[in-house]
Amino acid sequence: MGWNVTRFNRKLDNVCEKLTAAGVKGLRGELGEAATGRRAALVEYAVATLLVGADDLPLLDIERRANLGPTSRPDHDDVEGNR
């Protein structure tokens, strides 16, 4: 999506906190620590509950292009790796 790791983790924390407050299990560890498999748990929840569907996937490319801009290139901290 064109975000560095720090920004991605902040966004992930925010989504996980909101869903945890709504009663979703497995997105947070004990005593405020992050759940080890929270990315996988979040994806599984989002797909299983139809929170995200196949029609939403093109939005990832749109967001990435918007964040990177026309001349930007991802750096080594890009969450998606070297592209």
N, C-alpha and C. Protein backbone atom coordinates (compact mmCIF):
# COMPACT_ATOMS: atom_id res chain seq x y z
N MET A 1 0.82 -1.19 0.00
CA MET A 1 0.00 0.00 0.00
C MET A 1 0.86 1.25 0.00
N GLY A 2 2.15 1.07 -0.03
CA GLY A 2 3.02 2.22 -0.07
C GLY A 2 3.32 2.81 1.30
N TRP A 3 3.00 2.09 2.36
CA TRP A 3 3.27 2.58 3.71
C TRP A 3 4.56 1.96 4.22
N ASN A 4 5.29 2.71 5.08
CA ASN A 4 6.44 2.09 5.74
C ASN A 4 5.92 1.19 6.86
N VAL A 5 6.80 0.40 7.43
CA VAL A 5 6.40 -0.60 8.43
C VAL A 5 5.77 0.05 9.66
N THR A 6 6.31 1.18 10.10
CA THR A 6 5.77 1.84 11.28
C THR A 6 4.33 2.29 11.06
N ARG A 7 4.08 2.91 9.92
CA ARG A 7 2.72 3.37 9.63
C ARG A 7 1.77 2.17 9.49
N PHE A 8 2.22 1.12 8.81
CA PHE A 8 1.39 -0.07 8.66
C PHE A 8 1.02 -0.65 10.02
N ASN A 9 1.99 -0.76 10.92
CA ASN A 9 1.72 -1.33 12.25
C ASN A 9 0.77 -0.46 13.05
N ARG A 10 0.87 0.87 12.92
CA ARG A 10 -0.08 1.76 13.61
C ARG A 10 -1.49 1.54 13.09
N LYS A 11 -1.62 1.44 11.78
CA LYS A 11 -2.94 1.19 11.18
C LYS A 11 -3.49 -0.17 11.62
N LEU A 12 -2.63 -1.18 11.62
CA LEU A 12 -3.02 -2.52 12.04
C LEU A 12 -3.46 -2.51 13.50
N ASP A 13 -2.70 -1.85 14.37
CA ASP A 13 -3.06 -1.73 15.78
C ASP A 13 -4.44 -1.11 15.94
N ASN A 14 -4.70 -0.04 15.19
CA ASN A 14 -5.96 0.68 15.29
C ASN A 14 -7.13 -0.22 14.91
N VAL A 15 -7.01 -0.91 13.78
CA VAL A 15 -8.09 -1.81 13.33
C VAL A 15 -8.30 -2.94 14.34
N CYS A 16 -7.20 -3.53 14.80
CA CYS A 16 -7.31 -4.64 15.76
C CYS A 16 -7.95 -4.18 17.07
N GLU A 17 -7.60 -2.99 17.55
CA GLU A 17 -8.20 -2.46 18.78
C GLU A 17 -9.71 -2.28 18.62
N LYS A 18 -10.12 -1.71 17.49
CA LYS A 18 -11.55 -1.48 17.26
C LYS A 18 -12.31 -2.79 17.18
N LEU A 19 -11.76 -3.77 16.47
CA LEU A 19 -12.45 -5.05 16.35
C LEU A 19 -12.44 -5.82 17.68
N THR A 20 -11.35 -5.71 18.44
CA THR A 20 -11.29 -6.34 19.75
C THR A 20 -12.36 -5.75 20.67
N ALA A 21 -12.51 -4.43 20.62
CA ALA A 21 -13.54 -3.76 21.43
C ALA A 21 -14.93 -4.21 21.02
N ALA A 22 -15.08 -4.61 19.77
CA ALA A 22 -16.38 -5.09 19.27
C ALA A 22 -16.58 -6.58 19.55
N GLY A 23 -15.58 -7.24 20.17
CA GLY A 23 -15.74 -8.62 20.58
C GLY A 23 -15.02 -9.66 19.73
N VAL A 24 -14.23 -9.24 18.76
CA VAL A 24 -13.49 -10.18 17.92
C VAL A 24 -12.29 -10.70 18.71
N LYS A 25 -12.13 -12.01 18.75
CA LYS A 25 -11.04 -12.64 19.50
C LYS A 25 -9.81 -12.88 18.61
N GLY A 26 -8.64 -12.94 19.24
CA GLY A 26 -7.42 -13.31 18.54
C GLY A 26 -6.65 -12.18 17.88
N LEU A 27 -7.08 -10.94 18.10
CA LEU A 27 -6.40 -9.82 17.48
C LEU A 27 -5.48 -9.09 18.45
N ARG A 28 -5.48 -9.53 19.69
CA ARG A 28 -4.62 -8.94 20.71
C ARG A 28 -4.17 -10.01 21.67
N GLY A 29 -2.93 -9.91 22.11
CA GLY A 29 -2.41 -10.86 23.08
C GLY A 29 -2.82 -10.48 24.49
N GLU A 30 -2.32 -11.22 25.44
CA GLU A 30 -2.62 -10.94 26.84
C GLU A 30 -1.90 -9.68 27.32
N LEU A 31 -2.49 -8.98 28.26
CA LEU A 31 -1.91 -7.80 28.90
C LEU A 31 -1.45 -6.76 27.89
N GLY A 32 -2.22 -6.56 26.83
CA GLY A 32 -1.93 -5.50 25.87
C GLY A 32 -0.87 -5.82 24.84
N GLU A 33 -0.30 -7.01 24.89
CA GLU A 33 0.70 -7.37 23.89
C GLU A 33 0.01 -7.77 22.59
N ALA A 34 0.69 -7.53 21.49
CA ALA A 34 0.12 -7.87 20.19
C ALA A 34 0.02 -9.38 20.04
N ALA A 35 -1.04 -9.85 19.45
CA ALA A 35 -1.20 -11.28 19.16
C ALA A 35 -0.20 -11.68 18.08
N THR A 36 0.42 -12.84 18.24
CA THR A 36 1.44 -13.29 17.30
C THR A 36 0.90 -13.39 15.88
N GLY A 37 -0.24 -13.97 15.70
CA GLY A 37 -0.79 -14.17 14.37
C GLY A 37 -1.91 -13.21 14.03
N ARG A 38 -1.80 -11.96 14.50
CA ARG A 38 -2.93 -11.05 14.34
C ARG A 38 -3.21 -10.69 12.89
N ARG A 39 -2.17 -10.63 12.06
CA ARG A 39 -2.43 -10.34 10.64
C ARG A 39 -3.28 -11.45 10.04
N ALA A 40 -2.89 -12.68 10.30
CA ALA A 40 -3.65 -13.82 9.77
C ALA A 40 -5.05 -13.85 10.36
N ALA A 41 -5.16 -13.60 11.67
CA ALA A 41 -6.47 -13.61 12.33
C ALA A 41 -7.36 -12.50 11.76
N LEU A 42 -6.77 -11.35 11.50
CA LEU A 42 -7.54 -10.24 10.94
C LEU A 42 -8.02 -10.57 9.53
N VAL A 43 -7.16 -11.13 8.71
CA VAL A 43 -7.55 -11.51 7.35
C VAL A 43 -8.64 -12.58 7.39
N GLU A 44 -8.46 -13.60 8.23
CA GLU A 44 -9.47 -14.66 8.34
C GLU A 44 -10.82 -14.10 8.77
N TYR A 45 -10.81 -13.21 9.75
CA TYR A 45 -12.06 -12.60 10.22
C TYR A 45 -12.69 -11.77 9.11
N ALA A 46 -11.90 -10.93 8.46
CA ALA A 46 -12.42 -10.03 7.43
C ALA A 46 -13.04 -10.80 6.26
N VAL A 47 -12.40 -11.89 5.87
CA VAL A 47 -12.92 -12.69 4.75
C VAL A 47 -14.14 -13.52 5.19
N ALA A 48 -14.05 -14.15 6.36
CA ALA A 48 -15.14 -15.01 6.83
C ALA A 48 -16.43 -14.24 7.08
N THR A 49 -16.32 -13.00 7.52
CA THR A 49 -17.51 -12.20 7.81
C THR A 49 -17.92 -11.31 6.65
N LEU A 50 -17.22 -11.44 5.53
CA LEU A 50 -17.47 -10.64 4.34
C LEU A 50 -17.24 -9.15 4.57
N LEU A 51 -16.43 -8.83 5.58
CA LEU A 51 -16.01 -7.45 5.81
C LEU A 51 -15.22 -6.96 4.61
N VAL A 52 -14.46 -7.88 4.01
CA VAL A 52 -13.68 -7.62 2.80
C VAL A 52 -13.99 -8.73 1.82
N GLY A 53 -14.20 -8.35 0.57
CA GLY A 53 -14.48 -9.34 -0.47
C GLY A 53 -13.60 -9.10 -1.69
N ALA A 54 -13.75 -9.93 -2.67
CA ALA A 54 -12.95 -9.84 -3.89
C ALA A 54 -13.13 -8.49 -4.58
N ASP A 55 -14.31 -7.92 -4.50
CA ASP A 55 -14.55 -6.62 -5.12
C ASP A 55 -13.75 -5.49 -4.48
N ASP A 56 -13.27 -5.71 -3.25
CA ASP A 56 -12.49 -4.70 -2.55
C ASP A 56 -11.00 -4.73 -2.90
N LEU A 57 -10.52 -5.81 -3.47
CA LEU A 57 -9.09 -5.96 -3.72
C LEU A 57 -8.51 -4.87 -4.62
N PRO A 58 -9.20 -4.42 -5.68
CA PRO A 58 -8.63 -3.33 -6.49
C PRO A 58 -8.38 -2.05 -5.70
N LEU A 59 -9.08 -1.88 -4.59
CA LEU A 59 -8.87 -0.69 -3.76
C LEU A 59 -7.45 -0.65 -3.18
N LEU A 60 -6.84 -1.82 -2.98
CA LEU A 60 -5.46 -1.86 -2.50
C LEU A 60 -4.51 -1.21 -3.50
N ASP A 61 -4.68 -1.51 -4.78
CA ASP A 61 -3.83 -0.91 -5.81
C ASP A 61 -4.06 0.59 -5.90
N ILE A 62 -5.32 1.01 -5.79
CA ILE A 62 -5.63 2.44 -5.84
C ILE A 62 -4.97 3.16 -4.68
N GLU A 63 -5.06 2.59 -3.49
CA GLU A 63 -4.45 3.19 -2.29
C GLU A 63 -2.94 3.26 -2.42
N ARG A 64 -2.34 2.19 -2.92
CA ARG A 64 -0.89 2.16 -3.09
C ARG A 64 -0.43 3.25 -4.05
N ARG A 65 -1.11 3.37 -5.19
CA ARG A 65 -0.74 4.41 -6.16
C ARG A 65 -0.90 5.80 -5.56
N ALA A 66 -1.96 6.01 -4.80
CA ALA A 66 -2.20 7.31 -4.18
C ALA A 66 -1.12 7.65 -3.16
N ASN A 67 -0.66 6.65 -2.40
CA ASN A 67 0.35 6.90 -1.37
C ASN A 67 1.75 7.06 -1.94
N LEU A 68 2.04 6.35 -3.01
CA LEU A 68 3.38 6.44 -3.59
C LEU A 68 3.54 7.64 -4.51
N GLY A 69 2.47 8.08 -5.12
CA GLY A 69 2.57 9.18 -6.06
C GLY A 69 3.14 8.72 -7.38
N PRO A 70 3.12 9.58 -8.39
CA PRO A 70 3.53 9.17 -9.73
C PRO A 70 5.02 8.91 -9.88
N THR A 71 5.87 9.56 -9.07
CA THR A 71 7.31 9.40 -9.26
C THR A 71 8.00 8.69 -8.11
N SER A 72 7.25 8.38 -7.06
CA SER A 72 7.85 7.73 -5.88
C SER A 72 8.07 6.25 -6.14
N ARG A 73 9.07 5.73 -5.44
CA ARG A 73 9.33 4.29 -5.48
C ARG A 73 9.40 3.81 -4.04
N PRO A 74 8.94 2.59 -3.75
CA PRO A 74 9.00 2.07 -2.37
C PRO A 74 10.44 1.96 -1.91
N ASP A 75 10.66 2.22 -0.63
CA ASP A 75 12.00 2.07 -0.07
C ASP A 75 12.12 0.73 0.65
N HIS A 76 13.24 0.53 1.31
CA HIS A 76 13.48 -0.76 1.96
C HIS A 76 12.53 -1.03 3.11
N ASP A 77 11.87 0.01 3.62
CA ASP A 77 10.92 -0.18 4.72
C ASP A 77 9.50 -0.43 4.24
N ASP A 78 9.31 -0.51 2.94
CA ASP A 78 7.99 -0.76 2.39
C ASP A 78 7.49 -2.12 2.88
N VAL A 79 6.28 -2.18 3.42
CA VAL A 79 5.71 -3.40 3.98
C VAL A 79 5.64 -4.50 2.93
N GLU A 80 5.43 -4.13 1.69
CA GLU A 80 5.23 -5.12 0.64
C GLU A 80 6.55 -5.65 0.08
N GLY A 81 7.65 -5.17 0.57
CA GLY A 81 8.94 -5.68 0.09
C GLY A 81 9.44 -4.92 -1.11
N ASN A 82 10.45 -5.45 -1.72
CA ASN A 82 11.08 -4.80 -2.87
C ASN A 82 10.29 -5.07 -4.12
N ARG A 83 9.79 -4.01 -4.71
CA ARG A 83 9.03 -4.13 -5.96
C ARG A 83 9.58 -3.16 -6.95
